[in-house]
Amino acid sequence: MRPHAFWGSMQGWTAGNRWPVAGNAPTTGRRVAAQRQAGRPGPPAVVRGAEHPPTDVSVSPMKWQTVLLALAFACGGLRGKGLRLEAYAYPFPTKVYRLESQRQTLEMVYMDVPPVPPSRGTVLLFHGKNFSGSYFGQTAAALRAAGYRVVIPDQIGFGKSTKPAHYQYTFQQLARNTWQLLHALGMQHVHVLGHSMGGMIATRFALMYPEHVTSLTLLDPLGLEDWKAKGVPYTSVDDNYRHELAKTPDSLRRYEQKSYYDGKWRPEYQPWVDQAASFSRSPDYPLMAWNQALTSDMIFTQPVVYELPLLRVPTLLIIGQRDRTAIGASASAPPSVREKLGDYPALGRAAHAAIPNSELVELDGVGHLPHIEAFDRFFPPFRAFLNRHSGQ
């Protein structure tokens, strides 16, 4: 008996029970087919805005351990850790927002971190492509202490959120999904920060919903250049997919060490490699690889650089001066093109000149992840910018 069949047969019984182990098991509900399509081993039952997983339980942990052990033997082993980071606890409690998008039901998992009073407003954080919202844990804790409520969604296709089998990824779609979440939470005005790919989503969000964006911070964002216009050859989704399938924990670490941390390595970098590598250990990894291939295509084909002058919200650029991240900076681009890509010192200054009412903070000796590599240098100017635009 395969686990999917087990969860389907358990649907009626589990409807009134909840899982006691945070991040380790699926919630229960009605849409079995949608969850199979999303690569999750069981049907969801989530009330919009309810904590994920719920904290109240009616089945003891010991009984659930017995059930899980029996299931493991009956099925010849559980189906790995899955594509929803079930084995990873996030720094703050997670919740689930269920939305209808592109003729399917999807789950967007998010953290909603309350502020330490008095409240100064709400900050929305957009994560990068190789990460989930969990890497903002230190940032969210500091914002909370400074009086800000913090909302951190895992975008569809990432982290603990649904990995759909079919999805038309656009920055507009991801921005709209996020706006729907904020609307469901009753939020009208937010400060927005986006890192890496998240900077492209954040830019699109600010262009689409300027009346709801109090300020915008772009933290080493992608999208400050149009790689295809600079001569980077197009890589098909199928080729992207084959590249994603070939990734290993060792190759991920080598990439991050070289691209993000200047060849150096510290223990605090390892959790983000481990989290990303965990997907590849799932039997359903091809589904994750397909989503990653689609989002790579989105990043390459949907530049935002041409619309930076259209931004009408106060904007802060925080740029690590050692950053050289660029799509196509690997073997896909000829050397004459490759050497001109990802010049973040120049890109940051050009973006600053293009964006009205913008500020630029340059962090010498820092790479693509200032909030991980040099938090004590990243956070003070970010907090000062927020405070100025919160009227405090």
Protein backbone atom coordinates (compact mmCIF):
# COMPACT_ATOMS: atom_id res chain seq x y z
CA MET A 1 0.00 0.00 0.00
CA ARG A 2 1.49 3.34 -1.07
CA PRO A 3 1.34 6.36 1.26
CA HIS A 4 -0.91 8.33 -1.09
CA ALA A 5 -3.49 5.54 -0.93
CA PHE A 6 -3.13 5.40 2.83
CA TRP A 7 -3.83 9.14 3.19
CA GLY A 8 -6.82 8.87 0.89
CA SER A 9 -8.32 6.05 2.95
CA MET A 10 -7.64 8.01 6.13
CA GLN A 11 -9.40 11.16 4.88
CA GLY A 12 -12.67 10.66 6.73
CA TRP A 13 -11.04 9.55 9.97
CA THR A 14 -8.46 12.34 10.07
CA ALA A 15 -10.91 15.14 9.35
CA GLY A 16 -11.42 15.63 13.06
CA ASN A 17 -7.81 15.14 14.15
CA ARG A 18 -4.72 17.28 13.91
CA TRP A 19 -1.04 16.65 13.72
CA PRO A 20 1.00 17.29 16.83
CA VAL A 21 4.48 17.67 15.38
CA ALA A 22 5.29 21.10 13.95
CA GLY A 23 6.47 20.96 10.37
CA ASN A 24 6.55 17.16 10.26
CA ALA A 25 3.22 16.09 8.83
CA PRO A 26 0.39 17.28 6.61
CA THR A 27 -2.84 18.75 7.84
CA THR A 28 -6.04 17.05 6.70
CA GLY A 29 -8.96 18.04 4.51
CA ARG A 30 -10.95 17.57 1.34
CA ARG A 31 -8.82 18.04 -1.75
CA VAL A 32 -6.88 14.82 -2.17
CA ALA A 33 -6.36 15.13 -5.91
CA ALA A 34 -5.03 18.68 -5.68
CA GLN A 35 -2.50 17.65 -3.07
CA ARG A 36 -1.31 14.67 -5.08
CA GLN A 37 -0.79 17.01 -7.97
CA ALA A 38 1.12 19.40 -5.68
CA GLY A 39 3.47 16.65 -4.55
CA ARG A 40 2.25 16.50 -0.97
CA PRO A 41 1.61 13.12 0.69
CA GLY A 42 -1.76 13.91 2.15
CA PRO A 43 -4.89 16.01 1.84
CA PRO A 44 -4.96 19.47 3.45
CA ALA A 45 -7.50 20.81 5.93
CA VAL A 46 -6.61 24.37 6.65
CA VAL A 47 -8.87 27.18 7.74
CA ARG A 48 -7.71 30.41 6.18
CA GLY A 49 -5.43 32.10 8.65
CA ALA A 50 -5.19 29.07 10.94
CA GLU A 51 -1.76 28.11 12.20
CA HIS A 52 0.02 25.41 10.22
CA PRO A 53 0.10 22.95 11.78
CA PRO A 54 -2.50 23.74 14.46
CA THR A 55 -1.30 23.74 18.02
CA ASP A 56 -4.35 22.05 19.52
CA VAL A 57 -4.36 18.26 19.18
CA SER A 58 -6.72 15.45 19.98
CA VAL A 59 -4.32 12.58 19.33
CA SER A 60 -1.31 12.09 21.57
CA PRO A 61 2.18 12.30 20.05
CA MET A 62 2.95 8.76 21.22
CA LYS A 63 -0.06 7.38 19.35
CA TRP A 64 0.96 9.25 16.21
CA GLN A 65 4.48 7.85 16.47
CA THR A 66 2.98 4.37 16.56
CA VAL A 67 0.81 5.11 13.53
CA LEU A 68 3.73 6.51 11.58
CA LEU A 69 5.97 3.56 12.38
CA ALA A 70 3.25 1.16 11.30
CA LEU A 71 2.78 3.16 8.11
CA ALA A 72 6.51 3.03 7.41
CA PHE A 73 6.55 -0.75 7.59
CA ALA A 74 3.28 -1.17 5.66
CA CYS A 75 4.48 1.03 2.83
CA GLY A 76 8.03 -0.23 2.73
CA GLY A 77 9.35 3.11 3.97
CA LEU A 78 7.93 6.62 4.00
CA ARG A 79 8.21 8.71 0.84
CA GLY A 80 11.14 10.80 2.01
CA LYS A 81 10.87 14.29 3.40
CA GLY A 82 8.68 15.56 0.58
CA LEU A 83 8.52 18.87 -1.21
CA ARG A 84 6.93 20.96 1.55
CA LEU A 85 9.92 21.07 3.94
CA GLU A 86 7.91 18.94 6.37
CA ALA A 87 11.01 18.14 8.40
CA TYR A 88 12.09 21.78 8.78
CA ALA A 89 10.82 24.01 11.56
CA TYR A 90 10.61 27.69 10.67
CA PRO A 91 11.75 30.44 13.04
CA PHE A 92 8.15 31.51 13.71
CA PRO A 93 4.81 29.65 13.54
CA THR A 94 3.57 29.10 10.01
CA LYS A 95 0.07 29.55 8.67
CA VAL A 96 -1.58 28.59 5.40
CA TYR A 97 -3.49 30.76 2.97
CA ARG A 98 -5.48 28.75 0.44
CA LEU A 99 -6.10 30.43 -2.91
CA GLU A 100 -7.61 29.56 -6.26
CA SER A 101 -5.19 30.29 -9.08
CA GLN A 102 -5.02 29.04 -12.65
CA ARG A 103 -7.85 26.52 -12.16
CA GLN A 104 -6.36 24.86 -9.10
CA THR A 105 -6.32 25.18 -5.34
CA LEU A 106 -2.92 26.16 -3.99
CA GLU A 107 -1.52 26.69 -0.50
CA MET A 108 0.72 29.61 0.32
CA VAL A 109 2.49 29.06 3.63
CA TYR A 110 3.53 32.20 5.48
CA MET A 111 4.76 33.54 8.79
CA ASP A 112 2.91 36.43 10.42
CA VAL A 113 5.10 37.79 13.19
CA PRO A 114 3.44 40.21 15.65
CA PRO A 115 5.36 43.32 16.75
CA VAL A 116 6.57 44.30 20.16
CA PRO A 117 4.35 47.32 20.96
CA PRO A 118 4.04 50.07 20.03
CA SER A 119 3.43 49.07 16.42
CA ARG A 120 5.13 51.06 13.67
CA GLY A 121 3.60 49.27 10.71
CA THR A 122 3.97 46.07 8.70
CA VAL A 123 6.92 44.80 6.66
CA LEU A 124 6.43 42.29 3.82
CA LEU A 125 9.50 40.20 2.91
CA PHE A 126 10.01 38.50 -0.50
CA HIS A 127 12.57 35.67 -0.57
CA GLY A 128 15.00 34.71 -3.34
CA LYS A 129 14.90 31.77 -5.75
CA ASN A 130 17.27 29.43 -3.90
CA PHE A 131 15.64 30.03 -0.52
CA SER A 132 12.44 30.06 1.49
CA GLY A 133 11.11 32.76 3.76
CA SER A 134 12.79 31.04 6.71
CA TYR A 135 16.14 32.68 5.95
CA PHE A 136 14.60 35.97 7.08
CA GLY A 137 14.39 34.70 10.68
CA GLN A 138 17.00 37.07 12.12
CA THR A 139 15.62 39.98 10.10
CA ALA A 140 12.06 39.28 11.28
CA ALA A 141 13.14 39.02 14.92
CA ALA A 142 14.91 42.38 14.73
CA LEU A 143 11.97 44.01 12.98
CA ARG A 144 9.59 42.61 15.57
CA ALA A 145 11.72 44.06 18.37
CA ALA A 146 11.70 47.41 16.55
CA GLY A 147 7.89 47.47 16.56
CA TYR A 148 7.07 46.07 13.11
CA ARG A 149 4.67 43.31 12.22
CA VAL A 150 6.35 41.05 9.66
CA VAL A 151 4.67 38.92 6.97
CA ILE A 152 6.89 36.39 5.19
CA PRO A 153 5.23 34.23 2.53
CA ASP A 154 6.81 31.28 0.78
CA GLN A 155 5.88 31.99 -2.80
CA ILE A 156 4.01 29.31 -4.74
CA GLY A 157 6.62 26.81 -5.91
CA PHE A 158 8.96 27.48 -2.98
CA GLY A 159 9.57 26.48 0.61
CA LYS A 160 6.55 24.97 2.33
CA SER A 161 4.08 26.18 -0.29
CA THR A 162 2.48 24.11 -3.05
CA LYS A 163 4.64 22.93 -5.94
CA PRO A 164 2.07 22.81 -8.78
CA ALA A 165 2.50 20.41 -11.66
CA HIS A 166 1.45 23.15 -14.09
CA TYR A 167 1.72 26.90 -13.49
CA GLN A 168 2.28 29.97 -15.62
CA TYR A 169 4.88 31.78 -13.53
CA THR A 170 4.99 35.55 -13.89
CA PHE A 171 6.07 38.23 -11.45
CA GLN A 172 2.60 39.71 -11.83
CA GLN A 173 1.01 36.43 -10.77
CA LEU A 174 3.24 36.08 -7.70
CA ALA A 175 2.63 39.70 -6.76
CA ARG A 176 -1.12 39.21 -7.12
CA ASN A 177 -1.04 36.04 -5.02
CA THR A 178 0.73 37.98 -2.29
CA TRP A 179 -1.70 40.88 -2.49
CA GLN A 180 -4.57 38.44 -2.07
CA LEU A 181 -2.90 37.14 1.09
CA LEU A 182 -2.46 40.66 2.49
CA HIS A 183 -6.07 41.50 1.63
CA ALA A 184 -7.25 38.37 3.47
CA LEU A 185 -5.21 39.51 6.48
CA GLY A 186 -6.84 42.94 6.36
CA MET A 187 -3.65 44.83 5.51
CA GLN A 188 -3.81 48.03 3.50
CA HIS A 189 -0.28 49.46 3.73
CA VAL A 190 3.06 47.64 3.95
CA HIS A 191 6.75 48.31 3.74
CA VAL A 192 8.20 45.89 1.19
CA LEU A 193 11.65 44.27 1.05
CA GLY A 194 12.76 41.88 -1.69
CA HIS A 195 16.03 39.97 -1.91
CA SER A 196 17.49 38.51 -5.12
CA MET A 197 14.56 37.12 -7.18
CA GLY A 198 12.34 38.55 -4.45
CA GLY A 199 13.57 41.99 -5.48
CA MET A 200 11.98 41.46 -8.88
CA ILE A 201 8.70 40.40 -7.26
CA ALA A 202 8.89 43.35 -4.87
CA THR A 203 9.46 45.76 -7.76
CA ARG A 204 6.49 44.34 -9.64
CA PHE A 205 4.37 44.47 -6.46
CA ALA A 206 5.24 48.17 -5.96
CA LEU A 207 4.40 48.93 -9.59
CA MET A 208 1.06 47.12 -9.38
CA TYR A 209 -0.04 48.32 -5.93
CA PRO A 210 1.74 51.65 -5.28
CA GLU A 211 -1.08 52.98 -3.15
CA HIS A 212 -0.50 50.14 -0.69
CA VAL A 213 3.32 50.30 -0.55
CA THR A 214 4.71 52.65 2.08
CA SER A 215 8.32 52.00 1.09
CA LEU A 216 10.37 49.59 -1.02
CA THR A 217 13.76 48.09 -0.17
CA LEU A 218 15.72 46.16 -2.78
CA LEU A 219 18.40 43.97 -1.20
CA ASP A 220 20.88 42.78 -3.85
CA PRO A 221 17.98 42.25 -6.25
CA LEU A 222 18.12 40.37 -9.48
CA GLY A 223 16.71 42.21 -12.46
CA LEU A 224 18.96 45.28 -12.43
CA GLU A 225 20.11 44.25 -15.91
CA ASP A 226 18.54 42.50 -18.90
CA TRP A 227 20.79 39.48 -19.45
CA LYS A 228 19.35 38.55 -22.83
CA ALA A 229 19.89 42.09 -24.12
CA LYS A 230 23.53 41.80 -23.00
CA GLY A 231 24.02 38.70 -25.12
CA VAL A 232 23.28 35.78 -22.80
CA PRO A 233 21.83 32.95 -24.92
CA TYR A 234 18.35 31.72 -24.06
CA THR A 235 18.20 28.41 -22.18
CA SER A 236 15.01 26.46 -22.71
CA VAL A 237 12.80 25.30 -19.85
CA ASP A 238 13.72 21.72 -20.74
CA ASP A 239 17.43 22.51 -20.44
CA ASN A 240 16.79 24.33 -17.16
CA TYR A 241 14.96 21.23 -15.95
CA ARG A 242 17.87 18.94 -16.79
CA HIS A 243 20.20 21.33 -14.96
CA GLU A 244 17.99 21.30 -11.86
CA LEU A 245 17.81 17.49 -11.87
CA ALA A 246 21.61 17.32 -11.87
CA LYS A 247 22.01 19.40 -8.70
CA THR A 248 23.45 17.69 -5.62
CA PRO A 249 24.10 18.86 -2.04
CA ASP A 250 27.80 19.21 -2.91
CA SER A 251 27.12 21.21 -6.07
CA LEU A 252 24.75 23.52 -4.18
CA ARG A 253 27.37 24.21 -1.53
CA ARG A 254 30.08 24.84 -4.14
CA TYR A 255 27.79 27.26 -5.96
CA GLU A 256 26.86 29.19 -2.84
CA GLN A 257 30.41 29.26 -1.54
CA LYS A 258 31.74 30.65 -4.82
CA SER A 259 28.83 32.89 -5.80
CA TYR A 260 27.60 34.19 -2.44
CA TYR A 261 30.46 34.06 0.04
CA ASP A 262 33.66 34.78 -1.89
CA GLY A 263 34.96 31.23 -1.48
CA LYS A 264 34.64 31.37 2.29
CA TRP A 265 32.39 29.25 4.49
CA ARG A 266 30.93 29.64 7.97
CA PRO A 267 28.70 27.20 9.88
CA GLU A 268 25.75 29.61 9.74
CA TYR A 269 25.64 29.23 5.94
CA GLN A 270 25.10 25.46 6.04
CA PRO A 271 21.38 25.38 7.01
CA TRP A 272 20.39 27.06 3.74
CA VAL A 273 22.32 24.49 1.70
CA ASP A 274 20.77 21.66 3.74
CA GLN A 275 17.28 23.02 3.26
CA ALA A 276 17.67 23.43 -0.51
CA ALA A 277 19.33 20.02 -0.82
CA SER A 278 16.52 18.31 1.08
CA PHE A 279 14.24 18.62 -1.95
CA SER A 280 16.58 16.48 -4.05
CA ARG A 281 16.19 13.60 -1.59
CA SER A 282 12.45 13.38 -2.21
CA PRO A 283 11.07 10.82 -4.68
CA ASP A 284 9.00 13.72 -6.01
CA TYR A 285 12.03 15.92 -6.70
CA PRO A 286 11.33 16.08 -10.47
CA LEU A 287 8.24 18.16 -9.65
CA MET A 288 10.34 20.62 -7.66
CA ALA A 289 12.96 20.68 -10.41
CA TRP A 290 10.25 21.52 -12.96
CA ASN A 291 9.00 24.43 -10.84
CA GLN A 292 12.57 25.69 -10.49
CA ALA A 293 13.05 25.46 -14.25
CA LEU A 294 9.90 27.49 -14.83
CA THR A 295 10.93 30.20 -12.38
CA SER A 296 14.40 30.40 -13.96
CA ASP A 297 12.66 31.11 -17.26
CA MET A 298 10.53 33.76 -15.57
CA ILE A 299 13.61 35.53 -14.20
CA PHE A 300 15.40 35.51 -17.55
CA THR A 301 12.50 36.54 -19.77
CA GLN A 302 10.67 39.09 -17.60
CA PRO A 303 13.07 41.96 -16.84
CA VAL A 304 12.00 44.79 -14.55
CA VAL A 305 14.97 47.08 -15.15
CA TYR A 306 13.17 49.09 -17.83
CA GLU A 307 10.39 50.01 -15.40
CA LEU A 308 12.53 51.19 -12.50
CA PRO A 309 11.91 54.87 -13.45
CA LEU A 310 8.17 54.21 -13.02
CA LEU A 311 8.48 53.45 -9.31
CA ARG A 312 6.68 56.08 -7.24
CA VAL A 313 7.42 54.92 -3.70
CA PRO A 314 10.39 55.75 -1.47
CA THR A 315 13.03 53.17 -2.38
CA LEU A 316 16.19 51.97 -0.65
CA LEU A 317 18.82 49.97 -2.52
CA ILE A 318 21.18 47.92 -0.32
CA ILE A 319 23.93 46.48 -2.48
CA GLY A 320 26.76 44.17 -1.47
CA GLN A 321 29.72 45.43 -3.46
CA ARG A 322 31.24 41.97 -3.90
CA ASP A 323 28.07 40.56 -5.46
CA ARG A 324 28.48 39.25 -9.01
CA THR A 325 25.27 37.18 -9.30
CA ALA A 326 23.92 36.97 -12.84
CA ILE A 327 21.73 34.64 -14.88
CA GLY A 328 23.97 33.19 -17.60
CA ALA A 329 27.20 33.97 -15.78
CA SER A 330 28.04 30.27 -16.04
CA ALA A 331 28.94 28.35 -19.18
CA SER A 332 25.81 29.44 -21.10
CA ALA A 333 27.31 32.85 -21.89
CA PRO A 334 30.50 33.39 -23.92
CA PRO A 335 33.44 34.75 -21.90
CA SER A 336 33.23 38.18 -23.55
CA VAL A 337 29.65 38.51 -22.27
CA ARG A 338 30.12 36.74 -18.97
CA GLU A 339 32.79 39.11 -17.69
CA LYS A 340 30.42 42.06 -18.04
CA LEU A 341 27.53 40.54 -16.07
CA GLY A 342 26.59 41.05 -12.45
CA ASP A 343 28.62 44.19 -11.79
CA TYR A 344 26.55 45.10 -8.74
CA PRO A 345 28.46 48.27 -7.79
CA ALA A 346 27.67 49.71 -11.24
CA LEU A 347 24.18 48.20 -11.37
CA GLY A 348 23.26 49.63 -7.98
CA ARG A 349 24.36 53.12 -8.95
CA ALA A 350 22.49 52.93 -12.25
CA ALA A 351 19.32 51.79 -10.47
CA HIS A 352 19.71 54.59 -7.92
CA ALA A 353 19.91 57.10 -10.77
CA ALA A 354 16.87 55.59 -12.48
CA ILE A 355 14.53 55.32 -9.49
CA PRO A 356 12.99 58.59 -8.32
CA ASN A 357 13.20 59.30 -4.59
CA SER A 358 15.70 56.49 -4.00
CA GLU A 359 18.61 55.98 -1.61
CA LEU A 360 21.66 53.76 -2.04
CA VAL A 361 23.62 51.96 0.66
CA GLU A 362 26.78 50.22 -0.54
CA LEU A 363 28.24 47.48 1.66
CA ASP A 364 31.91 46.98 0.88
CA GLY A 365 33.22 43.43 1.07
CA VAL A 366 29.72 41.91 1.21
CA GLY A 367 28.20 39.52 -1.35
CA HIS A 368 24.72 38.49 -2.42
CA LEU A 369 23.23 37.83 1.04
CA PRO A 370 23.91 40.83 3.30
CA HIS A 371 21.23 39.77 5.79
CA ILE A 372 23.04 36.44 6.28
CA GLU A 373 26.67 37.38 5.77
CA ALA A 374 26.74 40.81 7.42
CA PHE A 375 23.51 41.34 9.33
CA ASP A 376 24.95 44.01 11.65
CA ARG A 377 25.82 46.12 8.62
CA PHE A 378 22.61 45.46 6.70
CA PHE A 379 20.00 46.03 9.38
CA PRO A 380 20.79 49.50 10.83
CA PRO A 381 20.35 51.41 7.54
CA PHE A 382 17.27 49.33 6.73
CA ARG A 383 15.67 50.06 10.10
CA ALA A 384 16.53 53.77 9.85
CA PHE A 385 14.90 53.93 6.40
CA LEU A 386 11.76 52.21 7.68
CA ASN A 387 11.55 54.51 10.69
CA ARG A 388 11.83 57.61 8.51
CA HIS A 389 8.99 56.45 6.32
CA SER A 390 6.83 55.27 9.21
CA GLY A 391 6.65 58.79 10.59
CA GLN A 392 8.79 57.84 13.59
